[in-house]
Structure formats: structure tokens, C-alpha cells
Amino acid sequence: MSLADTIRKTMVPVHREGWPFVAAFAAAAIVLGWFWDPLFWIGLALTAWCAYFFRDPQRVTPVDDDLVISPADGKVSAIGPAVPPAELGLGDAPVTRISIFMDVFSVHINRAPVSGKVTNIAYRPGKFLNADLDKASVENERNGLLIETSHGTLGVVQVAGLVARRILCWVKEGEDVSAGERFGMIRFGSRLDVYLPDGAVPRVYLGQIAIAGETPIADYRSDAAVPLSRTS
């Protein structure tokens, strides 16, 4: 393998949303470096971290409508019954919720957990508590999507965190999405909650590290075969 091929395989592209931040960090490093050399190197390190934060790697998504795929990179922080946010319109009865916490070192691109039609998008302002806390699902700023699938309606909610101050959602109501497709991101630490339809059985455990667009987090079958996959 040539050096160029090695670099291409090692380097992860930066999402376009991140370039203004990378440029701002780089400019600040140059300006501060005029006053004191060590500040330049600190700024350069922060610029590299910013580019790392906004990385957007390709993912190989299982092609199987009986699977629910992780919408985020991070730690599975909660599995169990919970009442969905009222604005989603999923009712007030508890359903199975799987929460995935993203720290500041996680890939923050959010991907659709299932294929289907986006029937509702509901944004709600709120607090900025630590996203790893259970009450963050109720009290924090959030943006929820309903996706209609062959197995029923699934809810996925972007929850802002302690230092997150911007939730981005790139899809619109009425659009079709495919499992693993990029649909948004949250800047600088946050979490994703998935509210499962009846019949979906969790396939992850607390503390497990999930990969967005790749890790199955729930299944509608008890004897699932190895699925096909595609790169996105």
C-alpha cells in the first residue's frame, strides 16, 4: 500500500458544519501566537481537537428492516421503560427507551436508526443539564423525530447536553430516510434517546459502546441472521 493510500485510509473527513469552527480555532491560535509562542501550540492542539470532534467517517450499515441501528456513537446509558416526550405524540404509556450518551470525543453525526418516513419533527427548548442524567430526557433542550416503519412508529430524540448549545436536524417532515443515513448532529456532548415500537427487543447492554449506523441496538426477531450491509 502506498503512502497516499495509507493517508486516505487514516484521515477522516471533517463535516462541513465543522469548518467554520476549525477556521476560528486556527485564526485564534495564530493571533495568540503573536503575543506568546506557547499560546500558538495550545491553540494548534485545540484546532486539531475541533477537527477531530467534527469528523464524519463512513459507516457500514446493516441492511435489515428487522433491526434498529444505533443513531449515535457513545455509551449505552439507559435501557428500560420510559414515557416518551409529550410533543412526539406517542402517548403517555411507557415504552422501551434506549439512551446513548456522546462525550466530547465521540463522533457527533446522528444517523437514522431505521428506514421509513419522517412524520413529525418536534423541537422543545429546555435546560442544559449533564446529558448522562436520566432527567435530561425530560428537562433538557431536545429535538424529536417520529419515523413510520413497517413495524410501527419509532421515536428518536436529540437531547442537548451540559456544553451543547446547538441541535442540528437536516431532514424535514414527509421525507423518507434510510437506516444509517445522516440526519443531524449536536455540538459538544449530548445524547440520543430511541423510543422503540412494540415488539422490538434490545440487543445492547448498559455501558456498551455503540457505533452510529453500524451497531444493532434492537431486533424484532429472536433468531436474527447475520444481516447484509452497505457503506454510507
Protein backbone atom coordinates (compact mmCIF):
# COMPACT_ATOMS: atom_id res chain seq x y z
CA MET A 1 0.00 0.00 0.00
CA SER A 2 1.36 3.42 -1.00
CA LEU A 3 1.80 6.32 1.42
CA ALA A 4 -1.06 8.17 -0.29
CA ASP A 5 -3.39 5.19 0.19
CA THR A 6 -2.38 4.94 3.85
CA ILE A 7 -3.14 8.63 4.41
CA ARG A 8 -6.53 8.34 2.69
CA LYS A 9 -7.49 5.37 4.86
CA THR A 10 -6.25 7.05 8.06
CA MET A 11 -7.64 10.55 7.58
CA VAL A 12 -11.33 11.01 8.41
CA PRO A 13 -13.17 13.81 6.60
CA VAL A 14 -14.46 16.78 8.60
CA HIS A 15 -18.15 17.54 8.21
CA ARG A 16 -18.91 20.89 6.55
CA GLU A 17 -20.61 22.11 9.76
CA GLY A 18 -17.24 21.96 11.48
CA TRP A 19 -15.08 24.01 9.11
CA PRO A 20 -16.10 27.45 10.50
CA PHE A 21 -15.12 26.28 13.99
CA VAL A 22 -11.82 24.80 12.79
CA ALA A 23 -11.02 28.05 10.97
CA ALA A 24 -11.88 30.12 14.05
CA PHE A 25 -9.66 27.99 16.30
CA ALA A 26 -6.80 28.21 13.78
CA ALA A 27 -7.12 32.00 13.46
CA ALA A 28 -7.17 32.38 17.24
CA ALA A 29 -4.03 30.23 17.52
CA ILE A 30 -2.18 32.45 15.03
CA VAL A 31 -3.26 35.68 16.71
CA LEU A 32 -2.42 34.47 20.22
CA GLY A 33 0.90 33.14 18.95
CA TRP A 34 1.97 36.68 18.14
CA PHE A 35 1.87 37.51 21.84
CA TRP A 36 3.32 34.32 23.31
CA ASP A 37 4.63 31.27 21.44
CA PRO A 38 3.18 28.64 23.81
CA LEU A 39 -0.32 30.01 23.12
CA PHE A 40 0.12 29.13 19.45
CA TRP A 41 0.84 25.50 20.26
CA ILE A 42 -2.09 25.34 22.68
CA GLY A 43 -4.32 26.84 20.02
CA LEU A 44 -2.98 24.41 17.44
CA ALA A 45 -3.83 21.48 19.72
CA LEU A 46 -7.34 22.85 20.22
CA THR A 47 -7.71 23.27 16.46
CA ALA A 48 -6.77 19.63 15.95
CA TRP A 49 -9.30 18.58 18.61
CA CYS A 50 -12.01 20.66 16.90
CA ALA A 51 -11.33 18.94 13.58
CA TYR A 52 -11.42 15.59 15.40
CA PHE A 53 -14.75 16.47 17.02
CA PHE A 54 -16.40 17.24 13.66
CA ARG A 55 -15.08 14.12 11.93
CA ASP A 56 -17.55 12.30 9.70
CA PRO A 57 -16.39 8.73 8.99
CA GLN A 58 -18.11 6.33 6.62
CA ARG A 59 -20.15 3.60 8.24
CA VAL A 60 -21.25 0.14 7.06
CA THR A 61 -24.96 -0.14 7.92
CA PRO A 62 -26.75 -3.50 8.18
CA VAL A 63 -29.46 -3.82 5.53
CA ASP A 64 -32.26 -5.42 7.52
CA ASP A 65 -35.62 -3.81 8.29
CA ASP A 66 -35.96 -6.01 11.38
CA LEU A 67 -33.06 -4.21 13.07
CA VAL A 68 -32.89 -0.89 14.88
CA ILE A 69 -29.43 0.63 14.41
CA SER A 70 -27.67 2.97 16.82
CA PRO A 71 -28.25 6.63 15.87
CA ALA A 72 -25.16 7.81 17.76
CA ASP A 73 -21.63 6.92 18.79
CA GLY A 74 -21.23 6.54 22.52
CA LYS A 75 -22.08 4.64 25.67
CA VAL A 76 -25.44 2.94 26.18
CA SER A 77 -26.50 4.80 29.33
CA ALA A 78 -30.10 3.61 29.82
CA ILE A 79 -32.35 0.74 28.75
CA GLY A 80 -35.87 0.41 30.05
CA PRO A 81 -39.42 1.72 30.09
CA ALA A 82 -39.96 5.48 29.87
CA VAL A 83 -42.78 7.81 28.86
CA PRO A 84 -41.94 9.49 25.53
CA PRO A 85 -41.81 13.29 25.39
CA ALA A 86 -45.34 14.67 25.03
CA GLU A 87 -44.51 16.64 21.88
CA LEU A 88 -43.81 13.42 19.97
CA GLY A 89 -47.43 12.32 20.27
CA LEU A 90 -46.58 8.73 21.19
CA GLY A 91 -48.97 8.69 24.16
CA ASP A 92 -48.37 8.68 27.89
CA ALA A 93 -47.76 4.96 28.36
CA PRO A 94 -44.15 3.87 28.98
CA VAL A 95 -42.32 2.25 26.06
CA THR A 96 -38.82 0.78 25.82
CA ARG A 97 -36.22 3.53 25.60
CA ILE A 98 -32.53 3.10 24.77
CA SER A 99 -30.28 6.10 25.51
CA ILE A 100 -26.80 6.64 24.07
CA PHE A 101 -24.52 9.22 25.65
CA MET A 102 -21.96 11.03 23.48
CA ASP A 103 -18.98 12.62 25.20
CA VAL A 104 -16.79 15.33 23.64
CA PHE A 105 -14.58 12.71 21.98
CA SER A 106 -17.42 10.85 20.23
CA VAL A 107 -18.38 11.25 16.59
CA HIS A 108 -21.38 13.58 16.82
CA ILE A 109 -23.05 12.91 13.48
CA ASN A 110 -26.50 11.40 14.14
CA ARG A 111 -27.85 8.69 11.84
CA ALA A 112 -31.35 7.33 11.27
CA PRO A 113 -31.91 4.16 13.34
CA VAL A 114 -34.43 2.73 10.86
CA SER A 115 -35.73 3.21 7.35
CA GLY A 116 -39.09 4.91 6.97
CA LYS A 117 -40.92 8.21 6.60
CA VAL A 118 -40.39 11.14 8.95
CA THR A 119 -43.93 12.00 10.04
CA ASN A 120 -43.20 14.55 12.77
CA ILE A 121 -40.35 16.76 13.94
CA ALA A 122 -40.82 18.48 17.29
CA TYR A 123 -38.34 20.89 18.89
CA ARG A 124 -38.57 21.87 22.57
CA PRO A 125 -36.34 24.42 24.35
CA GLY A 126 -35.07 23.49 27.79
CA LYS A 127 -32.14 23.26 30.19
CA PHE A 128 -28.58 22.10 29.58
CA LEU A 129 -28.07 19.51 32.31
CA ASN A 130 -25.48 16.77 32.05
CA ALA A 131 -26.89 14.58 29.25
CA ASP A 132 -25.84 11.44 31.12
CA LEU A 133 -28.51 12.15 33.77
CA ASP A 134 -31.85 10.42 33.31
CA LYS A 135 -33.81 13.63 33.89
CA ALA A 136 -32.05 15.23 30.93
CA SER A 137 -34.56 13.44 28.67
CA VAL A 138 -37.35 15.47 30.29
CA GLU A 139 -35.73 18.80 31.20
CA ASN A 140 -33.10 19.49 28.51
CA GLU A 141 -33.43 21.16 25.14
CA ARG A 142 -34.32 18.49 22.61
CA ASN A 143 -35.45 17.75 19.07
CA GLY A 144 -37.55 14.67 18.35
CA LEU A 145 -38.37 12.80 15.16
CA LEU A 146 -41.07 10.24 14.52
CA ILE A 147 -40.25 7.67 11.84
CA GLU A 148 -43.04 5.48 10.48
CA THR A 149 -41.79 1.97 9.68
CA SER A 150 -43.23 -1.39 8.74
CA HIS A 151 -43.03 -2.31 12.45
CA GLY A 152 -44.75 0.81 13.73
CA THR A 153 -43.71 4.30 14.76
CA LEU A 154 -40.26 4.83 16.29
CA GLY A 155 -39.18 7.99 18.09
CA VAL A 156 -35.62 9.29 18.15
CA VAL A 157 -34.78 12.36 20.24
CA GLN A 158 -31.65 14.53 20.12
CA VAL A 159 -31.01 15.78 23.67
CA ALA A 160 -28.64 18.70 24.27
CA GLY A 161 -26.04 18.29 27.00
CA LEU A 162 -24.08 20.29 29.54
CA VAL A 163 -21.91 22.11 26.98
CA ALA A 164 -24.03 21.52 23.86
CA ARG A 165 -25.76 24.65 22.65
CA ARG A 166 -26.91 23.76 19.16
CA ILE A 167 -29.01 20.89 17.86
CA LEU A 168 -28.92 20.47 14.08
CA CYS A 169 -31.52 18.48 12.14
CA TRP A 170 -31.14 18.15 8.38
CA VAL A 171 -34.31 16.25 7.49
CA LYS A 172 -37.87 17.54 7.12
CA GLU A 173 -41.31 16.17 7.79
CA GLY A 174 -42.54 13.96 4.95
CA GLU A 175 -39.05 12.86 3.87
CA ASP A 176 -38.02 9.23 3.59
CA VAL A 177 -34.85 8.19 5.41
CA SER A 178 -32.75 5.05 5.24
CA ALA A 179 -31.18 3.35 8.24
CA GLY A 180 -27.70 4.77 8.71
CA GLU A 181 -28.46 7.98 6.83
CA ARG A 182 -27.10 11.17 8.41
CA PHE A 183 -29.93 13.30 9.78
CA GLY A 184 -28.28 15.75 12.19
CA MET A 185 -25.75 16.42 14.92
CA ILE A 186 -25.43 18.03 18.35
CA ARG A 187 -22.36 20.10 19.15
CA PHE A 188 -20.08 19.28 22.06
CA GLY A 189 -21.54 16.48 24.19
CA SER A 190 -25.10 15.20 24.25
CA ARG A 191 -27.27 12.10 23.97
CA LEU A 192 -29.78 10.31 21.74
CA ASP A 193 -32.92 8.59 23.03
CA VAL A 194 -34.66 5.93 20.94
CA TYR A 195 -38.27 5.04 21.81
CA LEU A 196 -38.99 1.61 20.38
CA PRO A 197 -42.28 0.31 18.94
CA ASP A 198 -43.89 -2.78 20.47
CA GLY A 199 -42.08 -5.98 19.57
CA ALA A 200 -38.56 -4.56 19.44
CA VAL A 201 -36.17 -6.36 21.78
CA PRO A 202 -32.99 -4.54 22.96
CA ARG A 203 -29.74 -6.11 21.76
CA VAL A 204 -27.32 -3.97 23.77
CA TYR A 205 -26.35 -3.78 27.43
CA LEU A 206 -25.65 -0.89 29.79
CA GLY A 207 -22.18 0.52 29.32
CA GLN A 208 -21.73 -0.94 25.84
CA ILE A 209 -20.09 1.35 23.28
CA ALA A 210 -22.33 1.73 20.23
CA ILE A 211 -21.32 2.88 16.75
CA ALA A 212 -23.74 5.10 14.84
CA GLY A 213 -25.02 3.49 11.67
CA GLU A 214 -23.49 0.11 12.50
CA THR A 215 -24.40 -1.31 15.92
CA PRO A 216 -27.81 -3.03 16.14
CA ILE A 217 -29.44 -1.84 19.36
CA ALA A 218 -32.76 -3.70 18.98
CA ASP A 219 -34.29 -6.50 16.90
CA TYR A 220 -37.80 -7.67 16.07
CA ARG A 221 -36.68 -11.31 15.89
CA SER A 222 -35.30 -13.70 18.45
CA ASP A 223 -33.28 -15.70 15.89
CA ALA A 224 -31.80 -12.96 13.73
CA ALA A 225 -29.43 -13.99 10.95
CA VAL A 226 -26.25 -12.09 10.04
CA PRO A 227 -27.53 -9.12 8.01
CA LEU A 228 -26.26 -7.69 4.76
CA SER A 229 -24.63 -4.27 4.94
CA ARG A 230 -23.93 -1.14 2.91
CA THR A 231 -21.47 1.74 3.26
CA SER A 232 -22.76 5.25 3.94
